[in-house]
PDB file of all heavy atoms in Angstrom:
ATOM      1  N   ALA A   1     102.901 162.039 153.055  1.00  0.00           N
ATOM      2  CA  ALA A   1     102.901 162.740 151.766  1.00  0.00           C
ATOM      3  C   ALA A   1     103.703 162.006 150.705  1.00  0.00           C
ATOM      4  O   ALA A   1     103.499 162.215 149.503  1.00  0.00           O
ATOM      5  CB  ALA A   1     103.457 164.153 151.949  1.00  0.00           C
ATOM      6  N   LEU A   2     104.615 161.139 151.109  1.00  0.00           N
ATOM      7  CA  LEU A   2     105.472 160.435 150.159  1.00  0.00           C
ATOM      8  C   LEU A   2     104.894 159.090 149.732  1.00  0.00           C
ATOM      9  O   LEU A   2     105.455 158.427 148.859  1.00  0.00           O
ATOM     10  CB  LEU A   2     106.860 160.191 150.768  1.00  0.00           C
ATOM     11  CG  LEU A   2     107.610 161.397 151.328  1.00  0.00           C
ATOM     12  CD1 LEU A   2     108.952 160.946 151.901  1.00  0.00           C
ATOM     13  CD2 LEU A   2     107.817 162.467 150.269  1.00  0.00           C
ATOM     14  N   GLY A   3     103.794 158.686 150.352  1.00  0.00           N
ATOM     15  CA  GLY A   3     103.306 157.323 150.200  1.00  0.00           C
ATOM     16  C   GLY A   3     103.062 156.867 148.778  1.00  0.00           C
ATOM     17  O   GLY A   3     103.304 155.701 148.448  1.00  0.00           O
ATOM     18  N   GLY A   4     102.596 157.765 147.902  1.00  0.00           N
ATOM     19  CA  GLY A   4     102.296 157.384 146.532  1.00  0.00           C
ATOM     20  C   GLY A   4     103.237 157.976 145.503  1.00  0.00           C
ATOM     21  O   GLY A   4     102.958 157.924 144.303  1.00  0.00           O
ATOM     22  N   MET A   5     104.353 158.533 145.953  1.00  0.00           N
ATOM     23  CA  MET A   5     105.266 159.231 145.049  1.00  0.00           C
ATOM     24  C   MET A   5     106.336 158.319 144.464  1.00  0.00           C
ATOM     25  O   MET A   5     106.745 157.339 145.079  1.00  0.00           O
ATOM     26  CB  MET A   5     105.993 160.372 145.790  1.00  0.00           C
ATOM     27  CG  MET A   5     105.148 161.561 146.106  1.00  0.00           C
ATOM     28  SD  MET A   5     106.170 162.890 146.820  1.00  0.00           S
ATOM     29  CE  MET A   5     104.898 164.086 147.209  1.00  0.00           C
ATOM     30  N   LYS A   6     106.809 158.700 143.257  1.00  0.00           N
ATOM     31  CA  LYS A   6     108.013 158.100 142.718  1.00  0.00           C
ATOM     32  C   LYS A   6     109.215 158.704 143.439  1.00  0.00           C
ATOM     33  O   LYS A   6     109.134 159.781 144.026  1.00  0.00           O
ATOM     34  CB  LYS A   6     108.111 158.374 141.213  1.00  0.00           C
ATOM     35  CG  LYS A   6     106.959 157.816 140.402  1.00  0.00           C
ATOM     36  CD  LYS A   6     106.926 156.299 140.446  1.00  0.00           C
ATOM     37  CE  LYS A   6     105.838 155.757 139.523  1.00  0.00           C
ATOM     38  NZ  LYS A   6     105.750 154.268 139.574  1.00  0.00           N
ATOM     39  N   GLN A   7     110.358 158.015 143.380  1.00  0.00           N
ATOM     40  CA  GLN A   7     111.522 158.444 144.146  1.00  0.00           C
ATOM     41  C   GLN A   7     112.006 159.837 143.741  1.00  0.00           C
ATOM     42  O   GLN A   7     112.369 160.642 144.611  1.00  0.00           O
ATOM     43  CB  GLN A   7     112.668 157.446 143.971  1.00  0.00           C
ATOM     44  CG  GLN A   7     113.832 157.671 144.930  1.00  0.00           C
ATOM     45  CD  GLN A   7     113.429 157.473 146.380  1.00  0.00           C
ATOM     46  OE1 GLN A   7     112.868 156.445 146.733  1.00  0.00           O
ATOM     47  NE2 GLN A   7     113.720 158.452 147.240  1.00  0.00           N
ATOM     48  N   GLU A   8     111.992 160.139 142.452  1.00  0.00           N
ATOM     49  CA  GLU A   8     112.496 161.444 141.997  1.00  0.00           C
ATOM     50  C   GLU A   8     111.689 162.590 142.609  1.00  0.00           C
ATOM     51  O   GLU A   8     112.254 163.590 143.069  1.00  0.00           O
ATOM     52  CB  GLU A   8     112.452 161.527 140.472  1.00  0.00           C
ATOM     53  CG  GLU A   8     112.999 162.837 139.920  1.00  0.00           C
ATOM     54  CD  GLU A   8     112.958 162.878 138.398  1.00  0.00           C
ATOM     55  OE1 GLU A   8     112.537 161.882 137.779  1.00  0.00           O
ATOM     56  OE2 GLU A   8     113.345 163.927 137.828  1.00  0.00           O
ATOM     57  N   LYS A   9     110.375 162.443 142.635  1.00  0.00           N
ATOM     58  CA  LYS A   9     109.536 163.482 143.208  1.00  0.00           C
ATOM     59  C   LYS A   9     109.708 163.543 144.722  1.00  0.00           C
ATOM     60  O   LYS A   9     109.769 164.631 145.318  1.00  0.00           O
ATOM     61  CB  LYS A   9     108.067 163.231 142.862  1.00  0.00           C
ATOM     62  CG  LYS A   9     107.142 164.347 143.319  1.00  0.00           C
ATOM     63  CD  LYS A   9     105.722 164.121 142.836  1.00  0.00           C
ATOM     64  CE  LYS A   9     104.812 165.257 143.279  1.00  0.00           C
ATOM     65  NZ  LYS A   9     103.411 165.035 142.803  1.00  0.00           N
ATOM     66  N   ALA A  10     109.835 162.396 145.361  1.00  0.00           N
ATOM     67  CA  ALA A  10     110.043 162.358 146.807  1.00  0.00           C
ATOM     68  C   ALA A  10     111.355 163.044 147.177  1.00  0.00           C
ATOM     69  O   ALA A  10     111.434 163.757 148.185  1.00  0.00           O
ATOM     70  CB  ALA A  10     110.043 160.914 147.299  1.00  0.00           C
ATOM     71  N   ASP A  11     112.383 162.851 146.355  1.00  0.00           N
ATOM     72  CA  ASP A  11     113.680 163.497 146.620  1.00  0.00           C
ATOM     73  C   ASP A  11     113.541 165.014 146.626  1.00  0.00           C
ATOM     74  O   ASP A  11     114.140 165.700 147.464  1.00  0.00           O
ATOM     75  CB  ASP A  11     114.700 163.077 145.565  1.00  0.00           C
ATOM     76  CG  ASP A  11     115.160 161.634 145.728  1.00  0.00           C
ATOM     77  OD1 ASP A  11     114.932 161.057 146.805  1.00  0.00           O
ATOM     78  OD2 ASP A  11     115.735 161.092 144.766  1.00  0.00           O
ATOM     79  N   LYS A  12     112.752 165.539 145.727  1.00  0.00           N
ATOM     80  CA  LYS A  12     112.566 167.000 145.666  1.00  0.00           C
ATOM     81  C   LYS A  12     111.829 167.510 146.903  1.00  0.00           C
ATOM     82  O   LYS A  12     112.145 168.589 147.428  1.00  0.00           O
ATOM     83  CB  LYS A  12     111.810 167.374 144.397  1.00  0.00           C
ATOM     84  CG  LYS A  12     112.612 167.135 143.114  1.00  0.00           C
ATOM     85  CD  LYS A  12     111.815 167.516 141.877  1.00  0.00           C
ATOM     86  CE  LYS A  12     112.627 167.282 140.610  1.00  0.00           C
ATOM     87  NZ  LYS A  12     111.858 167.608 139.374  1.00  0.00           N
ATOM     88  N   VAL A  13     110.854 166.736 147.364  1.00  0.00           N
ATOM     89  CA  VAL A  13     110.148 167.113 148.588  1.00  0.00           C
ATOM     90  C   VAL A  13     111.108 167.111 149.763  1.00  0.00           C
ATOM     91  O   VAL A  13     111.121 168.038 150.588  1.00  0.00           O
ATOM     92  CB  VAL A  13     108.963 166.160 148.843  1.00  0.00           C
ATOM     93  CG1 VAL A  13     108.348 166.431 150.218  1.00  0.00           C
ATOM     94  CG2 VAL A  13     107.904 166.314 147.762  1.00  0.00           C
ATOM     95  N   LEU A  14     111.934 166.093 149.843  1.00  0.00           N
ATOM     96  CA  LEU A  14     112.876 165.982 150.959  1.00  0.00           C
ATOM     97  C   LEU A  14     113.925 167.098 150.912  1.00  0.00           C
ATOM     98  O   LEU A  14     114.369 167.580 151.949  1.00  0.00           O
ATOM     99  CB  LEU A  14     113.530 164.602 150.947  1.00  0.00           C
ATOM    100  CG  LEU A  14     112.565 163.450 151.301  1.00  0.00           C
ATOM    101  CD1 LEU A  14     113.169 162.109 150.943  1.00  0.00           C
ATOM    102  CD2 LEU A  14     112.184 163.486 152.766  1.00  0.00           C
ATOM    103  N   GLU A  15     114.293 167.521 149.709  1.00  0.00           N
ATOM    104  CA  GLU A  15     115.218 168.650 149.584  1.00  0.00           C
ATOM    105  C   GLU A  15     114.606 169.930 150.154  1.00  0.00           C
ATOM    106  O   GLU A  15     115.303 170.779 150.709  1.00  0.00           O
ATOM    107  CB  GLU A  15     115.600 168.847 148.111  1.00  0.00           C
ATOM    108  CG  GLU A  15     116.545 167.778 147.583  1.00  0.00           C
ATOM    109  CD  GLU A  15     116.707 167.846 146.075  1.00  0.00           C
ATOM    110  OE1 GLU A  15     116.129 168.768 145.461  1.00  0.00           O
ATOM    111  OE2 GLU A  15     117.401 166.974 145.509  1.00  0.00           O
ATOM    112  N   THR A  16     113.298 170.064 150.024  1.00  0.00           N
ATOM    113  CA  THR A  16     112.602 171.221 150.591  1.00  0.00           C
ATOM    114  C   THR A  16     112.764 171.264 152.111  1.00  0.00           C
ATOM    115  O   THR A  16     112.870 172.347 152.700  1.00  0.00           O
ATOM    116  CB  THR A  16     111.102 171.175 150.226  1.00  0.00           C
ATOM    117  OG1 THR A  16     110.971 171.114 148.802  1.00  0.00           O
ATOM    118  CG2 THR A  16     110.377 172.401 150.745  1.00  0.00           C
ATOM    119  N   LEU A  17     112.803 170.103 152.742  1.00  0.00           N
ATOM    120  CA  LEU A  17     112.975 170.054 154.196  1.00  0.00           C
ATOM    121  C   LEU A  17     114.313 170.673 154.607  1.00  0.00           C
ATOM    122  O   LEU A  17     114.387 171.428 155.591  1.00  0.00           O
ATOM    123  CB  LEU A  17     112.904 168.607 154.692  1.00  0.00           C
ATOM    124  CG  LEU A  17     111.663 167.803 154.313  1.00  0.00           C
ATOM    125  CD1 LEU A  17     111.700 166.447 155.004  1.00  0.00           C
ATOM    126  CD2 LEU A  17     110.393 168.560 154.649  1.00  0.00           C
ATOM    127  N   LEU A  18     115.354 170.374 153.865  1.00  0.00           N
ATOM    128  CA  LEU A  18     116.668 170.942 154.168  1.00  0.00           C
ATOM    129  C   LEU A  18     116.651 172.461 153.997  1.00  0.00           C
ATOM    130  O   LEU A  18     117.270 173.193 154.771  1.00  0.00           O
ATOM    131  CB  LEU A  18     117.736 170.320 153.264  1.00  0.00           C
ATOM    132  CG  LEU A  18     117.981 168.820 153.419  1.00  0.00           C
ATOM    133  CD1 LEU A  18     119.057 168.371 152.436  1.00  0.00           C
ATOM    134  CD2 LEU A  18     118.392 168.472 154.844  1.00  0.00           C
ATOM    135  N   GLU A  19     115.928 172.922 152.993  1.00  0.00           N
ATOM    136  CA  GLU A  19     115.838 174.351 152.717  1.00  0.00           C
ATOM    137  C   GLU A  19     115.261 175.119 153.905  1.00  0.00           C
ATOM    138  O   GLU A  19     115.685 176.236 154.215  1.00  0.00           O
ATOM    139  CB  GLU A  19     114.966 174.567 151.480  1.00  0.00           C
ATOM    140  CG  GLU A  19     114.763 176.016 151.084  1.00  0.00           C
ATOM    141  CD  GLU A  19     113.833 176.158 149.896  1.00  0.00           C
ATOM    142  OE1 GLU A  19     113.586 175.147 149.183  1.00  0.00           O
ATOM    143  OE2 GLU A  19     113.330 177.273 149.676  1.00  0.00           O
ATOM    144  N   TYR A  20     114.296 174.522 154.589  1.00  0.00           N
ATOM    145  CA  TYR A  20     113.627 175.196 155.703  1.00  0.00           C
ATOM    146  C   TYR A  20     114.128 174.757 157.076  1.00  0.00           C
ATOM    147  O   TYR A  20     113.603 175.191 158.095  1.00  0.00           O
ATOM    148  CB  TYR A  20     112.118 174.971 155.618  1.00  0.00           C
ATOM    149  CG  TYR A  20     111.462 175.793 154.540  1.00  0.00           C
ATOM    150  CD1 TYR A  20     111.341 175.316 153.240  1.00  0.00           C
ATOM    151  CD2 TYR A  20     110.951 177.061 154.819  1.00  0.00           C
ATOM    152  CE1 TYR A  20     110.736 176.066 152.245  1.00  0.00           C
ATOM    153  CE2 TYR A  20     110.353 177.821 153.834  1.00  0.00           C
ATOM    154  CZ  TYR A  20     110.243 177.319 152.551  1.00  0.00           C
ATOM    155  OH  TYR A  20     109.647 178.086 151.563  1.00  0.00           O
ATOM    156  N   GLY A  21     115.122 173.904 157.091  1.00  0.00           N
ATOM    157  CA  GLY A  21     115.688 173.476 158.367  1.00  0.00           C
ATOM    158  C   GLY A  21     114.854 172.459 159.109  1.00  0.00           C
ATOM    159  O   GLY A  21     114.981 172.327 160.342  1.00  0.00           O
ATOM    160  N   ILE A  22     114.025 171.698 158.410  1.00  0.00           N
ATOM    161  CA  ILE A  22     113.242 170.647 159.056  1.00  0.00           C
ATOM    162  C   ILE A  22     114.179 169.472 159.365  1.00  0.00           C
ATOM    163  O   ILE A  22     114.868 168.970 158.474  1.00  0.00           O
ATOM    164  CB  ILE A  22     112.084 170.169 158.150  1.00  0.00           C
ATOM    165  CG1 ILE A  22     111.191 171.347 157.771  1.00  0.00           C
ATOM    166  CG2 ILE A  22     111.290 169.066 158.843  1.00  0.00           C
ATOM    167  CD1 ILE A  22     110.582 172.063 158.942  1.00  0.00           C
ATOM    168  N   ASN A  23     114.185 169.047 160.614  1.00  0.00           N
ATOM    169  CA  ASN A  23     115.118 167.989 161.003  1.00  0.00           C
ATOM    170  C   ASN A  23     114.435 166.809 161.678  1.00  0.00           C
ATOM    171  O   ASN A  23     115.065 166.051 162.414  1.00  0.00           O
ATOM    172  CB  ASN A  23     116.208 168.548 161.924  1.00  0.00           C
ATOM    173  CG  ASN A  23     115.668 168.965 163.289  1.00  0.00           C
ATOM    174  OD1 ASN A  23     114.455 168.999 163.512  1.00  0.00           O
ATOM    175  ND2 ASN A  23     116.572 169.292 164.198  1.00  0.00           N
ATOM    176  N   HIS A  24     113.136 166.645 161.428  1.00  0.00           N
ATOM    177  CA  HIS A  24     112.372 165.571 162.079  1.00  0.00           C
ATOM    178  C   HIS A  24     111.371 165.050 161.053  1.00  0.00           C
ATOM    179  O   HIS A  24     110.569 165.812 160.502  1.00  0.00           O
ATOM    180  CB  HIS A  24     111.653 166.157 163.302  1.00  0.00           C
ATOM    181  CG  HIS A  24     111.002 165.143 164.195  1.00  0.00           C
ATOM    182  ND1 HIS A  24     111.053 165.230 165.573  1.00  0.00           N
ATOM    183  CD2 HIS A  24     110.255 164.041 163.927  1.00  0.00           C
ATOM    184  CE1 HIS A  24     110.372 164.235 166.110  1.00  0.00           C
ATOM    185  NE2 HIS A  24     109.882 163.496 165.124  1.00  0.00           N
ATOM    186  N   ILE A  25     111.415 163.754 160.780  1.00  0.00           N
ATOM    187  CA  ILE A  25     110.531 163.093 159.823  1.00  0.00           C
ATOM    188  C   ILE A  25     109.663 162.093 160.565  1.00  0.00           C
ATOM    189  O   ILE A  25     110.146 161.316 161.378  1.00  0.00           O
ATOM    190  CB  ILE A  25     111.346 162.370 158.723  1.00  0.00           C
ATOM    191  CG1 ILE A  25     112.100 163.383 157.850  1.00  0.00           C
ATOM    192  CG2 ILE A  25     110.442 161.504 157.860  1.00  0.00           C
ATOM    193  CD1 ILE A  25     113.018 162.734 156.822  1.00  0.00           C
ATOM    194  N   ASP A  26     108.368 162.112 160.245  1.00  0.00           N
ATOM    195  CA  ASP A  26     107.424 161.185 160.871  1.00  0.00           C
ATOM    196  C   ASP A  26     106.726 160.380 159.790  1.00  0.00           C
ATOM    197  O   ASP A  26     105.981 160.925 158.978  1.00  0.00           O
ATOM    198  CB  ASP A  26     106.389 161.980 161.690  1.00  0.00           C
ATOM    199  CG  ASP A  26     105.394 161.056 162.371  1.00  0.00           C
ATOM    200  OD1 ASP A  26     105.756 160.475 163.409  1.00  0.00           O
ATOM    201  OD2 ASP A  26     104.258 160.935 161.867  1.00  0.00           O
ATOM    202  N   THR A  27     106.960 159.069 159.783  1.00  0.00           N
ATOM    203  CA  THR A  27     106.330 158.202 158.803  1.00  0.00           C
ATOM    204  C   THR A  27     105.639 157.065 159.539  1.00  0.00           C
ATOM    205  O   THR A  27     105.447 157.108 160.751  1.00  0.00           O
ATOM    206  CB  THR A  27     107.358 157.689 157.776  1.00  0.00           C
ATOM    207  OG1 THR A  27     106.677 156.962 156.745  1.00  0.00           O
ATOM    208  CG2 THR A  27     108.428 156.815 158.413  1.00  0.00           C
ATOM    209  N   ALA A  28     105.214 156.052 158.804  1.00  0.00           N
ATOM    210  CA  ALA A  28     104.545 154.900 159.406  1.00  0.00           C
ATOM    211  C   ALA A  28     104.629 153.719 158.457  1.00  0.00           C
ATOM    212  O   ALA A  28     104.719 153.892 157.237  1.00  0.00           O
ATOM    213  CB  ALA A  28     103.075 155.217 159.714  1.00  0.00           C
ATOM    214  N   ALA A  29     104.564 152.525 159.019  1.00  0.00           N
ATOM    215  CA  ALA A  29     104.601 151.314 158.205  1.00  0.00           C
ATOM    216  C   ALA A  29     103.436 151.277 157.225  1.00  0.00           C
ATOM    217  O   ALA A  29     103.543 150.690 156.141  1.00  0.00           O
ATOM    218  CB  ALA A  29     104.571 150.086 159.105  1.00  0.00           C
ATOM    219  N   SER A  30     102.325 151.908 157.580  1.00  0.00           N
ATOM    220  CA  SER A  30     101.113 151.851 156.754  1.00  0.00           C
ATOM    221  C   SER A  30     101.001 152.980 155.746  1.00  0.00           C
ATOM    222  O   SER A  30      99.993 153.072 155.034  1.00  0.00           O
ATOM    223  CB  SER A  30      99.882 151.869 157.663  1.00  0.00           C
ATOM    224  OG  SER A  30      99.831 153.067 158.419  1.00  0.00           O
TER     225      SER A  30
END
């Protein structure tokens, strides 16, 4: 979901993870 985002928008998405207690991130080199 972050692949095409600017950093500011990505930061807001990542803040949402903390809000809901998400503690596992899955990304990929591609």
